[in-house]
C-alpha cells in the first residue's frame, strides 16, 4: 500500500492495521469455508448413500482436494500474519489461488459430467464466486476487489471456452442432458446443499464486512477525538509525533540536551492596572503572537505560556547542533518585534521584556492523563534559564545567556560577561553574558512587579 497516497500518518497506521486484521479474518473465512465444504460433502454423501446413490462418493475426489486447498490457504495466511511476515502483495497471490481452485472445480464438474460450457451455471462450485467477492470486501483495497473480479470473469470465460459452448442450447444438447444420469446429480439434494452452504457463507461474510466497517468507523471517530485532545494540549511540533503511535515512548521520556529560553514582560503589573480586561486580553494575545512568530521562524517549540511569559525549547523532538544559535537568533527576533510594536503603538510606559537562555541536559516527555496530556521539560537547565531571565532586571539588559549557550552558539567574542552566581541547588557558578552591543548602555530602571 503506497504510503504517500494514503494521507496523514494516523490514517496510514489505521489502514495498515485494518489490512492486517482483514487478512487474518480472511484466513479464518477460508478455514471455515473448507470446514463447511467438508461437512456439506460428508452430509451430501450420507444422504446419497441412504438414497442408494453409491457412486456419489466416487466423484468426491476433486471436492476433497478443493477443501484441502482452501484449508491450506487459510492456515498459510493466518501463520504469515501471526509471525509478521505478511506483505500487502500477498493478497493478490492468495486471491488468485482462491479463484484458481474454484475454476478448477467448475471445470472438473463439466468434464466429469460430459457437459458443455453452456451448462456451467449448474456446477455447485460456481456458487462459491459470491463468497470470494464477499471475502474480498473485507479488505479496504479496491484494487484487490477489481483483481478478483477480473480473474473470476476471465476464468469462467476460459472454462466455458475450453468445455465447448454454443450461442444457444439446441434441442440435441437438451436431449443429451436429459439422458445424462450423472448430470442429474448436479440438481440433486446433495448438490443443492452445497449451493445453500455457499450462499449462507456469503451472507455471513457480508455481515462480517458490515461489522468491520462499523468497528473501523467507531475506532476512527475515537482516535480522531484522542488526536484532537492531543493537539489541544501538546505543542504543535510534538502532537504529530504522538499521533504516529509514539505516545508510550514519549510517556517514558528521555534525557537529552536542550536550549531553554524564558521570556517575560517587564512591568506587566503596571500595564494591567491601566487597561480594562478586554484591552489587557488583546495586549497579552498580541505579545504571545509575536513570541510564536519568532519561535516558528527559528525552529523553537513554545512549550507553554505562563501568564505574561513563555517557555521556549530548542532541541525537541530531536536535538540539533545549532539549537543554541537558533535560540539566540529567536531572542533577538523577539526583541526586534517588540521594539517595532512599541514604535507602532507608542505604549506608555514602553513595553519591555527580559529573556534568559541556558543550555543543558533535561528530561523531555509527555505527562498526565490521556484526557489532558502535557509535554514537559524538567531539569536543572529549566531552573537556571528562569534564574537568568530574572537576572535581566539586575543587569538592565533585555537578553542574558549562559556561557554554555554562547559557547555552543559559536560566537563568544560577541558577548561580555556581566556576572557569575550559583543558583540554589547548584554547586558551580553560572557565567552570565550579554551581547556586546547591550553591555555598556545605561542600566534600565528596575521595574517593580511583572
Protein backbone atom coordinates (compact mmCIF):
# COMPACT_ATOMS: atom_id res chain seq x y z
CA UNK A 1 0.00 0.00 0.00
CA UNK A 2 1.75 3.18 -1.14
CA UNK A 3 2.19 5.39 1.93
CA UNK A 4 2.43 8.65 0.00
CA UNK A 5 -1.08 8.23 -1.41
CA UNK A 6 -2.94 7.39 1.76
CA UNK A 7 -2.81 10.53 3.82
CA UNK A 8 -1.71 11.61 7.28
CA UNK A 9 0.30 9.17 9.42
CA UNK A 10 -2.62 8.43 11.72
CA UNK A 11 -4.81 7.36 8.80
CA UNK A 12 -1.95 5.37 7.33
CA UNK A 13 -1.46 3.45 10.57
CA UNK A 14 -5.19 2.83 10.92
CA UNK A 15 -5.50 1.44 7.38
CA UNK A 16 -2.37 -0.72 7.72
CA UNK A 17 -3.69 -2.24 10.94
CA UNK A 18 -7.10 -2.73 9.33
CA UNK A 19 -5.48 -4.54 6.41
CA UNK A 20 -3.63 -6.94 8.71
CA UNK A 21 -6.83 -7.57 10.63
CA UNK A 22 -8.69 -8.13 7.35
CA UNK A 23 -6.14 -10.71 6.18
CA UNK A 24 -6.44 -12.58 9.48
CA UNK A 25 -10.21 -12.60 9.15
CA UNK A 26 -9.92 -13.71 5.52
CA UNK A 27 -7.72 -16.58 6.63
CA UNK A 28 -10.35 -17.67 9.13
CA UNK A 29 -13.06 -17.38 6.47
CA UNK A 30 -11.05 -19.77 4.26
CA UNK A 31 -10.70 -22.22 7.12
CA UNK A 32 -14.43 -22.02 7.87
CA UNK A 33 -15.19 -22.39 4.15
CA UNK A 34 -13.07 -25.54 3.99
CA UNK A 35 -14.75 -26.99 7.07
CA UNK A 36 -18.22 -26.06 5.79
CA UNK A 37 -17.49 -27.69 2.44
CA UNK A 38 -16.21 -30.79 4.20
CA UNK A 39 -19.34 -31.02 6.35
CA UNK A 40 -21.56 -30.35 3.34
CA UNK A 41 -19.84 -33.00 1.24
CA UNK A 42 -19.95 -35.54 4.04
CA UNK A 43 -23.62 -34.78 4.68
CA UNK A 44 -24.40 -34.99 0.98
CA UNK A 45 -22.55 -38.29 0.78
CA UNK A 46 -24.56 -39.64 3.67
CA UNK A 47 -27.83 -38.58 2.06
CA UNK A 48 -26.73 -40.11 -1.24
CA UNK A 49 -25.85 -43.39 0.47
CA UNK A 50 -29.24 -43.56 2.17
CA UNK A 51 -30.91 -42.84 -1.16
CA UNK A 52 -28.89 -45.58 -2.83
CA UNK A 53 -26.56 -43.36 -4.88
CA UNK A 54 -23.33 -45.08 -4.01
CA UNK A 55 -21.48 -43.51 -6.94
CA UNK A 56 -21.62 -40.13 -5.22
CA UNK A 57 -18.59 -40.97 -3.07
CA UNK A 58 -16.55 -41.90 -6.10
CA UNK A 59 -16.98 -38.40 -7.55
CA UNK A 60 -15.85 -36.55 -4.43
CA UNK A 61 -12.13 -36.72 -5.25
CA UNK A 62 -11.69 -33.18 -6.57
CA UNK A 63 -14.10 -31.82 -3.95
CA UNK A 64 -11.81 -33.20 -1.25
CA UNK A 65 -8.81 -31.58 -2.95
CA UNK A 66 -10.63 -28.22 -3.04
CA UNK A 67 -11.39 -28.50 0.68
CA UNK A 68 -7.73 -29.26 1.41
CA UNK A 69 -6.56 -26.35 -0.78
CA UNK A 70 -8.84 -23.80 0.92
CA UNK A 71 -7.75 -25.09 4.32
CA UNK A 72 -4.07 -24.80 3.37
CA UNK A 73 -4.54 -21.24 2.07
CA UNK A 74 -6.37 -20.21 5.24
CA UNK A 75 -3.70 -21.67 7.52
CA UNK A 76 -0.91 -20.07 5.45
CA UNK A 77 -2.42 -16.58 5.65
CA UNK A 78 -3.02 -16.96 9.40
CA UNK A 79 0.56 -18.07 10.01
CA UNK A 80 2.03 -15.26 7.90
CA UNK A 81 0.04 -12.56 9.71
CA UNK A 82 0.83 -14.17 13.04
CA UNK A 83 4.62 -14.13 12.57
CA UNK A 84 4.58 -10.70 10.93
CA UNK A 85 5.79 -11.89 7.52
CA UNK A 86 2.65 -10.96 5.61
CA UNK A 87 3.19 -8.38 2.86
CA UNK A 88 0.46 -6.44 1.01
CA UNK A 89 1.32 -8.04 -2.35
CA UNK A 90 0.46 -11.48 -0.95
CA UNK A 91 -3.24 -10.57 -1.09
CA UNK A 92 -3.03 -10.75 -4.88
CA UNK A 93 -1.42 -14.20 -4.72
CA UNK A 94 -3.91 -15.60 -2.19
CA UNK A 95 -6.96 -14.33 -4.09
CA UNK A 96 -5.56 -15.70 -7.37
CA UNK A 97 -5.25 -19.10 -5.67
CA UNK A 98 -8.87 -18.85 -4.45
CA UNK A 99 -10.10 -18.19 -7.98
CA UNK A 100 -7.92 -20.97 -9.42
CA UNK A 101 -9.43 -23.53 -7.01
CA UNK A 102 -12.97 -22.52 -7.95
CA UNK A 103 -12.27 -22.56 -11.69
CA UNK A 104 -10.64 -25.99 -11.49
CA UNK A 105 -13.61 -27.31 -9.52
CA UNK A 106 -16.07 -25.96 -12.11
CA UNK A 107 -14.01 -27.34 -14.98
CA UNK A 108 -13.77 -30.75 -13.28
CA UNK A 109 -17.56 -30.84 -12.83
CA UNK A 110 -18.19 -30.16 -16.52
CA UNK A 111 -15.56 -32.69 -17.53
CA UNK A 112 -16.88 -35.46 -15.25
CA UNK A 113 -20.45 -34.99 -16.44
CA UNK A 114 -19.53 -34.54 -20.11
CA UNK A 115 -21.48 -31.29 -20.30
CA UNK A 116 -20.53 -28.31 -22.44
CA UNK A 117 -19.80 -24.78 -21.30
CA UNK A 118 -23.44 -23.74 -21.64
CA UNK A 119 -24.25 -25.79 -18.54
CA UNK A 120 -21.67 -24.03 -16.29
CA UNK A 121 -24.39 -22.45 -14.16
CA UNK A 122 -25.38 -25.79 -12.62
CA UNK A 123 -21.86 -26.51 -11.28
CA UNK A 124 -22.11 -26.26 -7.45
CA UNK A 125 -18.58 -24.79 -7.20
CA UNK A 126 -19.75 -21.74 -9.19
CA UNK A 127 -21.76 -20.70 -6.16
CA UNK A 128 -18.51 -20.02 -4.33
CA UNK A 129 -17.87 -16.93 -6.50
CA UNK A 130 -20.20 -14.63 -4.48
CA UNK A 131 -18.40 -15.83 -1.37
CA UNK A 132 -14.99 -14.95 -2.84
CA UNK A 133 -16.26 -11.47 -3.71
CA UNK A 134 -17.70 -11.05 -0.21
CA UNK A 135 -14.38 -12.09 1.32
CA UNK A 136 -12.60 -9.55 -0.87
CA UNK A 137 -14.78 -6.80 0.59
CA UNK A 138 -13.21 -7.48 4.00
CA UNK A 139 -10.15 -5.61 2.75
CA UNK A 140 -10.28 -1.87 2.23
CA UNK A 141 -8.36 -2.16 -1.03
CA UNK A 142 -10.47 -1.65 -4.17
CA UNK A 143 -7.61 -2.82 -6.39
CA UNK A 144 -7.81 -6.30 -4.81
CA UNK A 145 -11.55 -6.50 -5.44
CA UNK A 146 -11.10 -5.45 -9.06
CA UNK A 147 -8.30 -8.01 -9.42
CA UNK A 148 -10.54 -10.82 -8.08
CA UNK A 149 -13.47 -9.76 -10.26
CA UNK A 150 -11.29 -9.74 -13.35
CA UNK A 151 -9.85 -13.16 -12.54
CA UNK A 152 -13.33 -14.62 -11.99
CA UNK A 153 -14.69 -13.26 -15.26
CA UNK A 154 -11.61 -14.34 -17.21
CA UNK A 155 -11.52 -17.74 -15.51
CA UNK A 156 -15.16 -18.50 -16.19
CA UNK A 157 -14.72 -17.42 -19.79
CA UNK A 158 -11.78 -19.80 -20.22
CA UNK A 159 -13.69 -22.69 -18.63
CA UNK A 160 -16.69 -22.11 -20.90
CA UNK A 161 -14.49 -21.88 -23.99
CA UNK A 162 -12.45 -24.96 -23.05
CA UNK A 163 -15.58 -27.01 -22.36
CA UNK A 164 -17.20 -26.09 -25.66
CA UNK A 165 -20.14 -23.73 -25.77
CA UNK A 166 -22.71 -22.71 -28.34
CA UNK A 167 -24.62 -19.46 -28.71
CA UNK A 168 -27.89 -21.17 -27.71
CA UNK A 169 -28.71 -24.56 -26.23
CA UNK A 170 -30.04 -26.66 -29.08
CA UNK A 171 -32.62 -29.46 -28.65
CA UNK A 172 -29.96 -32.15 -29.11
CA UNK A 173 -27.98 -30.60 -26.24
CA UNK A 174 -31.07 -30.61 -24.02
CA UNK A 175 -31.78 -34.21 -25.01
CA UNK A 176 -28.20 -35.16 -24.18
CA UNK A 177 -28.52 -33.53 -20.79
CA UNK A 178 -31.80 -35.35 -20.11
CA UNK A 179 -30.13 -38.63 -20.95
CA UNK A 180 -27.09 -37.89 -18.76
CA UNK A 181 -27.68 -39.57 -15.42
CA UNK A 182 -24.50 -38.06 -13.99
CA UNK A 183 -25.68 -34.55 -14.82
CA UNK A 184 -28.88 -35.14 -12.87
CA UNK A 185 -26.76 -35.41 -9.72
CA UNK A 186 -25.88 -31.73 -10.10
CA UNK A 187 -29.55 -30.90 -9.44
CA UNK A 188 -29.97 -33.36 -6.60
CA UNK A 189 -30.43 -32.53 -2.93
CA UNK A 190 -26.73 -33.06 -2.03
CA UNK A 191 -25.60 -30.64 -4.75
CA UNK A 192 -28.20 -28.11 -3.66
CA UNK A 193 -26.95 -28.42 -0.09
CA UNK A 194 -23.52 -27.36 -1.30
CA UNK A 195 -25.06 -24.36 -3.07
CA UNK A 196 -27.04 -23.42 0.04
CA UNK A 197 -23.87 -23.63 2.13
CA UNK A 198 -22.04 -21.27 -0.23
CA UNK A 199 -24.96 -18.83 -0.18
CA UNK A 200 -25.14 -18.92 3.63
CA UNK A 201 -21.40 -18.33 3.96
CA UNK A 202 -21.59 -15.42 1.52
CA UNK A 203 -24.35 -13.86 3.65
CA UNK A 204 -22.37 -14.34 6.86
CA UNK A 205 -19.28 -12.85 5.24
CA UNK A 206 -21.14 -9.73 4.10
CA UNK A 207 -22.38 -9.34 7.69
CA UNK A 208 -18.74 -9.52 8.84
CA UNK A 209 -17.88 -6.83 6.31
CA UNK A 210 -20.53 -4.55 7.82
CA UNK A 211 -19.34 -5.28 11.35
CA UNK A 212 -15.75 -4.50 10.40
CA UNK A 213 -16.81 -1.26 8.74
CA UNK A 214 -18.73 -0.20 11.86
CA UNK A 215 -15.78 -1.17 14.08
CA UNK A 216 -13.33 0.75 11.93
CA UNK A 217 -15.61 3.79 11.85
CA UNK A 218 -16.02 3.68 15.64
CA UNK A 219 -12.26 3.38 16.07
CA UNK A 220 -11.59 6.22 13.63
CA UNK A 221 -14.00 8.52 15.49
CA UNK A 222 -12.47 7.57 18.84
CA UNK A 223 -8.92 8.16 17.62
CA UNK A 224 -9.95 11.43 15.99
CA UNK A 225 -11.21 12.56 19.40
CA UNK A 226 -7.97 11.48 21.04
CA UNK A 227 -5.91 13.28 18.40
CA UNK A 228 -7.99 16.42 18.95
CA UNK A 229 -7.26 16.18 22.67
CA UNK A 230 -3.56 15.68 21.95
CA UNK A 231 -3.44 18.62 19.56
CA UNK A 232 -5.23 20.78 22.11
CA UNK A 233 -2.78 20.30 24.97
CA UNK A 234 0.53 19.46 23.27
CA UNK A 235 2.80 21.76 21.25
CA UNK A 236 2.09 21.65 17.54
CA UNK A 237 5.57 20.22 16.87
CA UNK A 238 5.06 17.31 19.32
CA UNK A 239 1.42 16.39 18.66
CA UNK A 240 2.06 14.74 15.22
CA UNK A 241 4.79 12.54 16.72
CA UNK A 242 2.44 11.32 19.43
CA UNK A 243 -0.29 10.72 16.83
CA UNK A 244 2.02 8.36 14.94
CA UNK A 245 1.79 5.85 17.78
CA UNK A 246 4.78 7.02 19.84
CA UNK A 247 2.75 8.12 22.87
CA UNK A 248 4.09 5.38 25.14
CA UNK A 249 7.68 6.21 24.17
CA UNK A 250 7.08 9.86 24.96
CA UNK A 251 5.42 8.89 28.25
CA UNK A 252 8.62 7.08 29.24
CA UNK A 253 10.52 10.21 28.31
CA UNK A 254 14.20 10.63 27.59
CA UNK A 255 17.18 12.71 28.65
CA UNK A 256 18.75 14.96 26.05
CA UNK A 257 20.44 18.30 25.63
CA UNK A 258 18.12 21.23 25.05
CA UNK A 259 18.36 25.00 24.99
CA UNK A 260 15.71 26.70 27.11
CA UNK A 261 14.54 30.27 26.52
CA UNK A 262 12.44 32.14 29.07
CA UNK A 263 10.82 35.42 28.01
CA UNK A 264 8.79 37.63 30.29
CA UNK A 265 7.10 41.02 30.06
CA UNK A 266 8.53 43.68 32.34
CA UNK A 267 6.20 45.99 34.21
CA UNK A 268 3.14 43.97 33.31
CA UNK A 269 1.53 44.75 36.66
CA UNK A 270 1.52 48.48 35.90
CA UNK A 271 0.25 47.85 32.39
CA UNK A 272 -2.58 45.68 33.71
CA UNK A 273 -3.68 48.40 36.13
CA UNK A 274 -4.11 50.88 33.27
CA UNK A 275 -6.06 48.55 30.95
CA UNK A 276 -9.58 47.22 31.09
CA UNK A 277 -9.88 43.39 30.87
CA UNK A 278 -10.73 43.41 27.15
CA UNK A 279 -7.70 45.56 26.23
CA UNK A 280 -5.44 43.53 28.50
CA UNK A 281 -6.57 40.30 26.82
CA UNK A 282 -5.81 41.75 23.38
CA UNK A 283 -2.45 43.06 24.62
CA UNK A 284 -1.29 39.71 26.06
CA UNK A 285 -2.54 37.85 22.96
CA UNK A 286 -0.58 40.24 20.73
CA UNK A 287 2.58 39.65 22.77
CA UNK A 288 2.14 35.87 22.58
CA UNK A 289 1.57 36.06 18.84
CA UNK A 290 4.94 37.78 18.42
CA UNK A 291 6.66 35.17 20.56
CA UNK A 292 5.10 32.39 18.47
CA UNK A 293 6.14 34.13 15.24
CA UNK A 294 9.77 34.32 16.37
CA UNK A 295 9.74 30.72 17.63
CA UNK A 296 8.34 29.48 14.34
CA UNK A 297 10.98 31.39 12.36
CA UNK A 298 13.85 29.70 14.19
CA UNK A 299 12.54 26.22 14.94
CA UNK A 300 11.66 26.72 18.59
CA UNK A 301 8.86 24.89 20.38
CA UNK A 302 6.58 27.01 22.56
CA UNK A 303 6.29 24.62 25.47
CA UNK A 304 3.89 26.77 27.44
CA UNK A 305 2.73 30.30 28.14
CA UNK A 306 2.79 31.29 31.79
CA UNK A 307 0.76 34.44 32.31
CA UNK A 308 2.70 37.17 30.54
CA UNK A 309 5.72 34.93 29.96
CA UNK A 310 6.64 31.99 27.80
CA UNK A 311 8.93 28.96 27.88
CA UNK A 312 10.52 28.01 24.56
CA UNK A 313 12.53 24.85 23.89
CA UNK A 314 15.12 24.28 21.17
CA UNK A 315 16.20 20.69 20.56
CA UNK A 316 12.90 18.83 20.60
CA UNK A 317 11.80 16.48 19.29
CA UNK A 318 15.42 15.88 18.17
CA UNK A 319 18.48 17.89 19.25
CA UNK A 320 20.45 19.69 16.54
CA UNK A 321 23.95 21.20 16.55
CA UNK A 322 22.61 24.73 16.02
CA UNK A 323 19.95 24.72 18.76
CA UNK A 324 21.78 27.31 20.88
CA UNK A 325 22.46 29.58 17.91
CA UNK A 326 18.82 29.46 16.81
CA UNK A 327 17.67 30.20 20.38
CA UNK A 328 19.81 33.37 20.43
CA UNK A 329 18.50 34.37 16.99
CA UNK A 330 14.96 33.81 18.23
CA UNK A 331 15.61 36.02 21.28
CA UNK A 332 16.94 38.82 19.04
CA UNK A 333 13.87 38.45 16.82
CA UNK A 334 11.52 38.76 19.81
CA UNK A 335 13.34 41.93 20.87
CA UNK A 336 13.07 43.31 17.34
CA UNK A 337 9.35 42.54 17.11
CA UNK A 338 8.65 44.15 20.49
CA UNK A 339 10.66 47.28 19.53
CA UNK A 340 8.63 47.55 16.33
CA UNK A 341 5.45 47.00 18.35
CA UNK A 342 6.43 49.86 20.68
CA UNK A 343 7.15 52.14 17.74
CA UNK A 344 3.81 51.36 16.16
CA UNK A 345 1.57 51.57 19.23
CA UNK A 346 3.55 54.17 21.28
CA UNK A 347 2.89 52.37 24.57
CA UNK A 348 3.21 54.38 27.78
CA UNK A 349 5.10 53.04 29.59
CA UNK A 350 7.17 51.30 26.93
CA UNK A 351 6.76 47.54 26.69
CA UNK A 352 9.94 45.88 27.93
CA UNK A 353 10.93 42.26 28.09
CA UNK A 354 13.56 40.06 29.69
CA UNK A 355 14.95 36.93 28.05
CA UNK A 356 17.15 34.29 29.68
CA UNK A 357 18.74 31.39 27.80
CA UNK A 358 20.59 28.33 29.08
CA UNK A 359 21.72 25.03 27.54
CA UNK A 360 21.98 21.70 29.32
CA UNK A 361 20.57 18.24 29.79
CA UNK A 362 16.88 17.80 30.62
CA UNK A 363 14.14 15.21 30.83
CA UNK A 364 11.69 15.56 27.94
CA UNK A 365 8.41 13.65 27.92
CA UNK A 366 4.63 13.64 27.94
CA UNK A 367 2.90 13.52 31.32
CA UNK A 368 -0.69 13.47 32.53
CA UNK A 369 -3.89 11.58 31.88
CA UNK A 370 -4.94 10.89 28.29
CA UNK A 371 -7.70 13.48 28.56
CA UNK A 372 -5.12 16.19 29.36
CA UNK A 373 -1.61 15.39 28.22
CA UNK A 374 1.21 17.84 28.77
CA UNK A 375 4.65 18.00 27.20
CA UNK A 376 7.17 18.73 29.93
CA UNK A 377 10.84 19.61 30.13
CA UNK A 378 12.30 19.01 33.59
CA UNK A 379 15.77 19.55 34.93
CA UNK A 380 18.36 21.99 36.17
CA UNK A 381 18.56 23.66 32.76
CA UNK A 382 14.99 24.95 33.12
CA UNK A 383 15.59 26.37 36.60
CA UNK A 384 18.83 28.06 35.54
CA UNK A 385 17.20 29.62 32.46
CA UNK A 386 14.44 31.02 34.70
CA UNK A 387 17.06 32.48 37.07
CA UNK A 388 18.93 34.05 34.18
CA UNK A 389 15.73 35.62 32.91
CA UNK A 390 15.16 37.15 36.36
CA UNK A 391 18.73 38.46 36.32
CA UNK A 392 17.97 40.60 33.26
CA UNK A 393 16.35 43.07 35.69
CA UNK A 394 19.59 43.50 37.64
CA UNK A 395 21.79 43.76 34.59
CA UNK A 396 19.49 46.17 32.79
CA UNK A 397 19.65 44.13 29.56
CA UNK A 398 16.77 42.53 27.67
CA UNK A 399 18.85 39.44 26.79
CA UNK A 400 21.15 37.40 29.03
CA UNK A 401 22.55 33.99 28.12
CA UNK A 402 24.68 31.47 29.94
CA UNK A 403 28.24 30.78 28.89
CA UNK A 404 27.22 27.22 27.96
CA UNK A 405 24.72 28.58 25.43
CA UNK A 406 27.09 31.17 23.97
CA UNK A 407 29.89 28.61 23.53
CA UNK A 408 27.56 26.19 21.73
CA UNK A 409 26.32 29.05 19.55
CA UNK A 410 29.90 29.58 18.39
CA UNK A 411 30.21 33.36 18.85
CA UNK A 412 31.68 34.04 22.35
CA UNK A 413 33.64 37.12 21.16
CA UNK A 414 30.36 38.98 20.57
CA UNK A 415 29.39 38.62 24.24
CA UNK A 416 30.60 40.09 27.51
CA UNK A 417 30.40 38.62 30.98
CA UNK A 418 28.20 40.54 33.42
CA UNK A 419 28.03 38.20 36.37
CA UNK A 420 28.52 34.82 37.96
CA UNK A 421 26.27 33.22 40.50
CA UNK A 422 25.36 29.78 41.78
CA UNK A 423 21.60 29.24 41.69
CA UNK A 424 20.10 27.41 44.62
CA UNK A 425 20.81 23.70 44.47
CA UNK A 426 23.88 24.07 42.24
CA UNK A 427 27.47 23.67 43.35
CA UNK A 428 29.04 25.56 40.46
CA UNK A 429 28.53 29.15 39.38
CA UNK A 430 26.75 30.01 36.15
CA UNK A 431 28.56 32.54 33.99
CA UNK A 432 26.09 35.03 32.50
CA UNK A 433 26.78 37.12 29.41
CA UNK A 434 25.05 39.82 27.41
CA UNK A 435 25.60 40.77 23.75
CA UNK A 436 28.40 43.31 23.33
CA UNK A 437 26.00 45.92 22.00
CA UNK A 438 23.98 45.68 25.24
CA UNK A 439 26.87 45.57 27.73
CA UNK A 440 27.59 49.27 28.17
CA UNK A 441 24.30 51.14 27.86
CA UNK A 442 22.94 52.85 30.90
CA UNK A 443 21.10 50.39 33.05
CA UNK A 444 17.38 50.40 32.80
CA UNK A 445 15.43 51.36 35.88
CA UNK A 446 14.49 48.36 37.94
CA UNK A 447 10.83 47.72 37.26
CA UNK A 448 8.50 46.70 40.01
CA UNK A 449 6.11 43.80 39.52
CA UNK A 450 5.79 41.88 36.23
